[in-house]
Protein backbone atom coordinates (compact mmCIF):
# COMPACT_ATOMS: atom_id res chain seq x y z
CA MET A 1 -50.42 22.47 -4.48
CA GLY A 2 -50.00 19.38 -6.60
CA LYS A 3 -51.63 18.56 -9.92
CA TYR A 4 -54.53 16.51 -8.55
CA ARG A 5 -56.31 16.46 -5.19
CA PHE A 6 -57.22 12.93 -4.18
CA GLN A 7 -60.71 14.11 -3.22
CA ASP A 8 -61.28 15.23 -6.82
CA LEU A 9 -60.37 11.75 -8.06
CA GLY A 10 -63.06 10.16 -5.87
CA LEU A 11 -60.56 8.87 -3.32
CA GLU A 12 -60.38 8.91 0.48
CA ASN A 13 -57.49 8.49 2.90
CA THR A 14 -57.42 5.36 5.04
CA ARG A 15 -58.15 6.80 8.49
CA GLU A 16 -61.93 6.40 8.53
CA MET A 17 -61.92 2.99 6.85
CA PHE A 18 -59.35 1.77 9.39
CA ARG A 19 -61.42 3.12 12.28
CA LYS A 20 -64.47 1.22 11.03
CA ALA A 21 -62.42 -1.92 10.43
CA ASN A 22 -61.00 -1.85 13.97
CA GLU A 23 -64.44 -1.37 15.47
CA GLY A 24 -65.97 -4.05 13.24
CA GLY A 25 -63.23 -6.65 13.68
CA TYR A 26 -62.37 -7.06 10.00
CA SER A 27 -59.60 -6.09 7.56
CA VAL A 28 -59.62 -3.85 4.51
CA PRO A 29 -58.23 -5.54 1.38
CA ALA A 30 -55.27 -3.83 -0.26
CA PHE A 31 -55.00 -5.20 -3.80
CA ASN A 32 -52.16 -4.35 -6.18
CA PHE A 33 -52.78 -3.67 -9.85
CA ALA A 34 -50.64 -2.93 -12.89
CA ASN A 35 -53.17 -2.27 -15.66
CA LEU A 36 -56.78 -1.28 -16.38
CA GLU A 37 -58.06 -4.86 -16.40
CA GLN A 38 -56.80 -5.57 -12.89
CA LEU A 39 -58.06 -2.22 -11.62
CA LYS A 40 -61.56 -2.88 -12.97
CA ALA A 41 -61.54 -6.43 -11.58
CA ILE A 42 -60.60 -5.20 -8.11
CA LEU A 43 -63.27 -2.50 -7.99
CA GLU A 44 -65.93 -4.84 -9.39
CA ALA A 45 -65.04 -7.44 -6.75
CA CYS A 46 -65.12 -4.96 -3.88
CA ALA A 47 -68.37 -3.38 -5.06
CA LYS A 48 -69.94 -6.86 -5.21
CA ALA A 49 -68.67 -7.75 -1.72
CA GLU A 50 -69.57 -4.28 -0.40
CA SER A 51 -66.01 -3.86 0.85
CA ASP A 52 -63.93 -0.71 1.17
CA VAL A 53 -60.67 -1.13 -0.71
CA ILE A 54 -57.13 0.21 -0.88
CA LEU A 55 -55.85 0.21 -4.44
CA GLN A 56 -52.13 -0.40 -4.30
CA ILE A 57 -49.54 0.37 -6.91
CA SER A 58 -45.79 -0.09 -6.93
CA ASP A 59 -43.39 2.43 -8.40
CA SER A 60 -42.67 0.16 -11.39
CA ALA A 61 -46.39 -0.33 -12.10
CA ARG A 62 -46.96 3.43 -11.90
CA LYS A 63 -44.18 4.00 -14.41
CA TYR A 64 -45.64 1.31 -16.66
CA ILE A 65 -49.10 2.93 -16.67
CA GLY A 66 -47.89 6.55 -16.66
CA LYS A 67 -48.65 8.94 -13.83
CA GLU A 68 -51.07 11.10 -15.85
CA THR A 69 -52.93 8.05 -17.14
CA LEU A 70 -53.03 6.47 -13.69
CA ALA A 71 -54.74 9.39 -11.97
CA LEU A 72 -57.50 9.71 -14.55
CA MET A 73 -57.83 5.94 -15.01
CA VAL A 74 -58.51 5.54 -11.28
CA LYS A 75 -61.00 8.42 -11.32
CA GLY A 76 -62.85 6.91 -14.28
CA ALA A 77 -62.95 3.43 -12.76
CA ILE A 78 -64.39 4.81 -9.52
CA LEU A 79 -67.01 6.76 -11.47
CA ASP A 80 -68.02 3.51 -13.17
CA ILE A 81 -68.75 1.75 -9.87
CA ARG A 82 -70.54 4.85 -8.58
CA GLU A 83 -72.73 4.70 -11.69
CA SER A 84 -73.63 1.14 -10.71
CA GLY A 85 -74.68 2.34 -7.26
CA SER A 86 -71.67 1.32 -5.17
CA LYS A 87 -70.78 3.56 -2.23
CA ILE A 88 -67.63 1.78 -1.03
CA SER A 89 -64.67 3.89 0.08
CA VAL A 90 -61.59 3.74 -2.15
CA ALA A 91 -58.01 4.77 -1.32
CA LEU A 92 -54.96 4.83 -3.59
CA ASN A 93 -51.74 3.82 -1.84
CA LEU A 94 -48.12 3.84 -2.98
CA ASP A 95 -46.73 0.43 -2.06
CA HIS A 96 -43.17 0.41 -0.66
CA GLY A 97 -42.26 4.03 -1.27
CA LYS A 98 -38.51 4.45 -0.98
CA ASP A 99 -37.61 8.13 -1.03
CA PHE A 100 -39.02 11.57 -0.30
CA ASP A 101 -39.11 12.88 -3.90
CA GLN A 102 -40.88 9.78 -5.21
CA ILE A 103 -43.50 9.99 -2.46
CA LYS A 104 -44.04 13.74 -2.99
CA ASP A 105 -44.65 13.14 -6.70
CA CYS A 106 -47.29 10.55 -5.87
CA LEU A 107 -48.99 12.94 -3.46
CA ASP A 108 -48.90 15.66 -6.11
CA TYR A 109 -50.69 13.29 -8.48
CA GLY A 110 -53.57 12.41 -6.19
CA PHE A 111 -52.49 9.50 -4.00
CA SER A 112 -54.54 9.49 -0.80
CA SER A 113 -52.11 7.23 1.07
CA VAL A 114 -48.40 6.45 0.88
CA MET A 115 -46.14 3.88 2.43
CA ILE A 116 -42.59 4.77 3.37
CA ASP A 117 -40.52 1.61 3.68
CA ALA A 118 -37.41 2.45 5.68
CA SER A 119 -37.50 -0.91 7.49
CA HIS A 120 -34.01 -1.76 6.26
CA GLU A 121 -32.60 1.24 8.16
CA GLU A 122 -31.55 1.35 11.78
CA PHE A 123 -34.48 1.96 14.16
CA SER A 124 -33.77 5.67 14.75
CA LYS A 125 -33.17 6.32 11.03
CA ASN A 126 -36.42 4.51 10.17
CA ILE A 127 -38.28 6.83 12.55
CA GLU A 128 -36.54 9.89 11.11
CA LYS A 129 -37.34 9.05 7.48
CA THR A 130 -40.90 8.03 8.29
CA LYS A 131 -41.60 11.19 10.28
CA GLU A 132 -40.34 13.30 7.38
CA VAL A 133 -42.94 11.68 5.12
CA VAL A 134 -45.68 12.05 7.75
CA GLU A 135 -45.04 15.81 7.94
CA LEU A 136 -45.17 16.05 4.14
CA ALA A 137 -48.39 14.04 3.89
CA LYS A 138 -50.14 16.36 6.36
CA LEU A 139 -50.04 19.06 3.68
CA TYR A 140 -52.18 16.80 1.47
CA ASP A 141 -54.35 15.25 4.22
CA ALA A 142 -53.00 11.88 3.04
CA SER A 143 -52.38 8.94 5.35
CA VAL A 144 -49.01 7.28 5.92
CA GLU A 145 -48.00 3.67 6.52
CA GLY A 146 -44.63 2.82 8.05
CA GLU A 147 -42.92 -0.54 8.52
CA LEU A 148 -41.02 -2.29 11.33
CA GLY A 149 -39.39 -5.61 10.56
CA VAL A 150 -38.24 -7.06 7.22
CA LEU A 151 -40.11 -9.47 4.94
CA SER A 152 -38.28 -11.96 2.75
CA GLY A 153 -39.20 -12.79 -0.85
CA VAL A 154 -39.22 -11.24 -4.30
CA GLU A 155 -42.01 -9.29 -5.98
CA ASP A 156 -41.74 -6.38 -8.43
CA GLU A 157 -38.81 -4.26 -7.24
CA ILE A 158 -39.10 -5.64 -3.69
CA SER A 159 -36.38 -8.20 -2.98
CA SER A 160 -34.90 -9.47 0.27
CA GLU A 161 -33.33 -12.73 1.36
CA ASP A 162 -33.48 -11.60 4.99
CA GLU A 163 -36.38 -11.91 7.38
CA ARG A 164 -36.52 -9.95 10.61
CA PHE A 165 -39.59 -10.26 12.79
CA THR A 166 -40.99 -7.09 14.31
CA ASN A 167 -39.90 -6.46 17.89
CA PRO A 168 -43.09 -5.68 19.88
CA SER A 169 -41.11 -3.63 22.41
CA GLU A 170 -40.27 -1.07 19.69
CA VAL A 171 -43.74 -0.44 18.27
CA VAL A 172 -44.99 2.19 20.74
CA GLU A 173 -41.90 4.36 20.39
CA PHE A 174 -41.99 4.04 16.60
CA VAL A 175 -45.66 4.99 16.28
CA LYS A 176 -45.44 7.92 18.73
CA LYS A 177 -42.26 9.42 17.32
CA SER A 178 -43.06 8.91 13.63
CA GLY A 179 -46.77 9.82 13.72
CA VAL A 180 -47.82 7.12 11.23
CA ASP A 181 -51.47 6.23 10.63
CA SER A 182 -50.77 2.51 10.27
CA LEU A 183 -47.88 0.12 10.82
CA ALA A 184 -46.76 -2.83 8.70
CA ILE A 185 -45.20 -5.60 10.77
CA ALA A 186 -43.30 -8.80 9.98
CA ILE A 187 -44.84 -11.95 11.48
CA GLY A 188 -44.03 -14.54 8.83
CA THR A 189 -45.65 -13.31 5.62
CA ALA A 190 -43.42 -12.91 2.55
CA HIS A 191 -43.44 -11.31 -0.88
CA GLY A 192 -43.99 -13.40 -4.00
CA ALA A 193 -45.38 -16.89 -4.60
CA HIS A 194 -42.75 -18.84 -2.64
CA LYS A 195 -43.51 -17.94 0.96
CA PHE A 196 -42.77 -21.26 2.63
CA LYS A 197 -40.52 -24.23 1.85
CA PRO A 198 -42.16 -27.51 0.80
CA GLY A 199 -42.91 -29.78 3.75
CA THR A 200 -43.14 -26.96 6.29
CA ASP A 201 -46.31 -26.04 8.18
CA PRO A 202 -47.28 -22.53 7.03
CA LYS A 203 -47.97 -20.55 10.19
CA LEU A 204 -47.85 -16.87 11.09
CA ARG A 205 -46.27 -15.62 14.31
CA LEU A 206 -49.60 -14.68 15.83
CA ASP A 207 -47.90 -14.56 19.23
CA ILE A 208 -45.95 -11.51 18.01
CA LEU A 209 -49.18 -9.96 16.74
CA GLU A 210 -50.79 -10.41 20.16
CA LYS A 211 -47.81 -8.78 21.87
CA VAL A 212 -48.07 -5.86 19.45
CA LYS A 213 -51.75 -5.61 20.34
CA GLU A 214 -50.86 -5.50 24.04
CA GLU A 215 -48.51 -2.61 23.34
CA LEU A 216 -50.60 -0.58 20.87
CA GLY A 217 -54.22 -1.50 21.51
CA ASN A 218 -56.42 -1.10 18.44
CA PHE A 219 -53.87 0.71 16.28
CA PRO A 220 -54.15 -0.18 12.56
CA ILE A 221 -51.72 -3.00 11.73
CA VAL A 222 -50.80 -4.06 8.18
CA LEU A 223 -49.70 -7.41 6.76
CA HIS A 224 -47.71 -7.39 3.52
CA GLY A 225 -47.10 -10.45 1.35
CA SER A 226 -50.37 -12.17 2.26
CA SER A 227 -51.41 -13.98 -0.91
CA SER A 228 -52.78 -17.49 -0.47
CA VAL A 229 -51.33 -18.73 -3.80
CA PRO A 230 -54.25 -21.16 -4.43
CA ALA A 231 -53.19 -24.61 -5.64
CA GLU A 232 -55.87 -24.86 -8.33
CA TYR A 233 -54.50 -21.81 -10.12
CA ILE A 234 -50.92 -23.05 -9.76
CA GLU A 235 -52.06 -26.24 -11.47
CA LYS A 236 -53.86 -24.29 -14.20
CA PHE A 237 -50.78 -22.11 -14.73
CA ARG A 238 -48.62 -25.22 -15.23
CA THR A 239 -51.20 -27.04 -17.36
CA TYR A 240 -51.31 -24.25 -19.91
CA GLY A 241 -47.58 -23.65 -20.23
CA GLY A 242 -46.50 -21.65 -17.17
CA GLU A 243 -43.45 -22.61 -15.12
CA ILE A 244 -43.46 -22.23 -11.34
CA LYS A 245 -41.88 -24.30 -8.54
CA ASP A 246 -42.95 -24.99 -5.00
CA ALA A 247 -45.34 -22.04 -4.67
CA ILE A 248 -46.84 -21.98 -1.18
CA GLY A 249 -48.83 -19.06 0.21
CA ILE A 250 -50.45 -17.99 3.49
CA PRO A 251 -53.37 -20.25 4.50
CA ASP A 252 -56.74 -18.52 4.70
CA GLU A 253 -57.19 -19.66 8.31
CA GLU A 254 -54.03 -17.83 9.39
CA LEU A 255 -55.17 -14.61 7.71
CA GLN A 256 -58.61 -14.96 9.30
CA LYS A 257 -57.02 -15.13 12.76
CA ALA A 258 -54.94 -12.02 12.03
CA SER A 259 -57.98 -10.18 10.68
CA LYS A 260 -59.93 -10.91 13.85
CA SER A 261 -57.12 -9.40 15.90
CA ILE A 262 -55.84 -5.86 15.15
CA VAL A 263 -54.79 -6.35 11.51
CA THR A 264 -56.87 -3.84 9.55
CA LYS A 265 -55.12 -3.99 6.15
CA ILE A 266 -53.99 -7.12 4.31
CA ASN A 267 -51.92 -6.79 1.13
CA VAL A 268 -52.49 -9.17 -1.78
CA ASP A 269 -50.65 -9.05 -5.11
CA THR A 270 -49.47 -12.50 -6.21
CA ASP A 271 -52.98 -13.98 -6.10
CA GLY A 272 -54.25 -11.42 -8.59
CA ARG A 273 -51.33 -12.05 -10.95
CA LEU A 274 -51.71 -15.82 -10.68
CA VAL A 275 -55.46 -15.94 -11.21
CA PHE A 276 -55.35 -13.47 -14.11
CA THR A 277 -52.35 -15.02 -15.88
CA SER A 278 -53.36 -18.67 -15.51
CA THR A 279 -56.84 -17.90 -16.84
CA LEU A 280 -55.40 -15.90 -19.72
CA LEU A 281 -53.06 -18.78 -20.63
CA GLU A 282 -55.99 -21.19 -20.57
CA TYR A 283 -58.06 -18.99 -22.87
CA VAL A 284 -55.21 -18.39 -25.34
CA LYS A 285 -54.40 -22.10 -25.50
CA SER A 286 -58.05 -23.06 -25.92
CA ASN A 287 -58.85 -20.37 -28.53
CA PRO A 288 -55.82 -20.23 -30.86
CA LYS A 289 -57.73 -18.43 -33.62
CA GLU A 290 -59.07 -15.63 -31.41
CA MET A 291 -57.60 -12.15 -32.00
CA ASP A 292 -60.14 -9.96 -30.22
CA LEU A 293 -58.28 -8.49 -27.24
CA LYS A 294 -61.55 -7.62 -25.52
CA LYS A 295 -62.36 -11.33 -25.36
CA TYR A 296 -58.81 -12.26 -24.36
CA LEU A 297 -58.86 -9.87 -21.41
CA ALA A 298 -62.50 -10.03 -20.33
CA ILE A 299 -62.26 -13.67 -19.26
CA PRO A 300 -59.30 -13.34 -16.83
CA ARG A 301 -60.68 -10.02 -15.57
CA LYS A 302 -63.96 -11.72 -14.64
CA GLU A 303 -62.12 -14.63 -13.03
CA MET A 304 -59.97 -12.27 -10.96
CA ALA A 305 -63.04 -10.29 -9.86
CA ASN A 306 -64.84 -13.49 -8.82
CA TYR A 307 -61.81 -14.78 -6.92
CA TYR A 308 -61.33 -11.54 -5.01
CA SER A 309 -65.02 -11.08 -4.16
CA GLU A 310 -65.07 -14.59 -2.65
CA LYS A 311 -61.74 -14.05 -0.86
CA ILE A 312 -63.04 -10.86 0.75
CA VAL A 313 -65.99 -12.66 2.30
CA ARG A 314 -63.92 -15.72 3.22
CA VAL A 315 -60.79 -14.04 4.63
CA PHE A 316 -61.33 -10.38 5.35
CA LYS A 317 -64.68 -11.00 7.05
CA VAL A 318 -66.28 -7.84 5.73
CA LYS A 319 -69.78 -9.30 5.47
């Protein structure tokens, strides 16, 4: 069944890594990637920080890479860190899966985890669609993430002007009836670089998180849209020709508080794009005669790896 088994690609589902994270009081980083350079940077960072990792990919990024290339690219990248001695656990998760056929194709091509985002549906319909994916994923031993609540913001094909906080009174029914392995909730994070308006005090609704904890206990909770959008890289991006306005992310201290609670998976995408792109712009501008792509791409890849390895220790509290 399926073209690739995730076990044969060197992958694991998220259940054991979430169990360890809940017991240890830390979060597993879930980093998005869209090419080989980002993938290698993520795995190098996590190997250095000795952190399990969930590799995340959107539908558009998967199409960009190619589903055959993606499966074998991930396998090869994992083999490279194994060769260096790293024993970290690695999962491959579909970020914001939208329909049954798309999710089945990902499972057939070796994904060890999938997210079904039916959060825009009515509560009962969300449960129905999510349960359908859970039953499918059982055939592959893959894990499933559902979502309650709606995040605002724009990133890749994810776009919403609405924000609807998760209702803690609904979480138990949703988890029991759908059978999900983890639950993404909305407590003030947002997709993209513009998470808060200038002049506001960036805070998460940690009171909602605590109410969810009261209802669910140590069930794995996920935060989407959790990039910090560091100011120094915004400045670098602008200095070397990039255009971006009023980019404000989630403060590290807020993510640390969530990580110490029951949040076991924190999604980061914008930070990786920002660090990589701003560093690439700097190198191109500073080396106008350079045509060696290996040099062009090695510098931002190293910068992204360094940023993520430090962020893991600082925010996710793995070490």
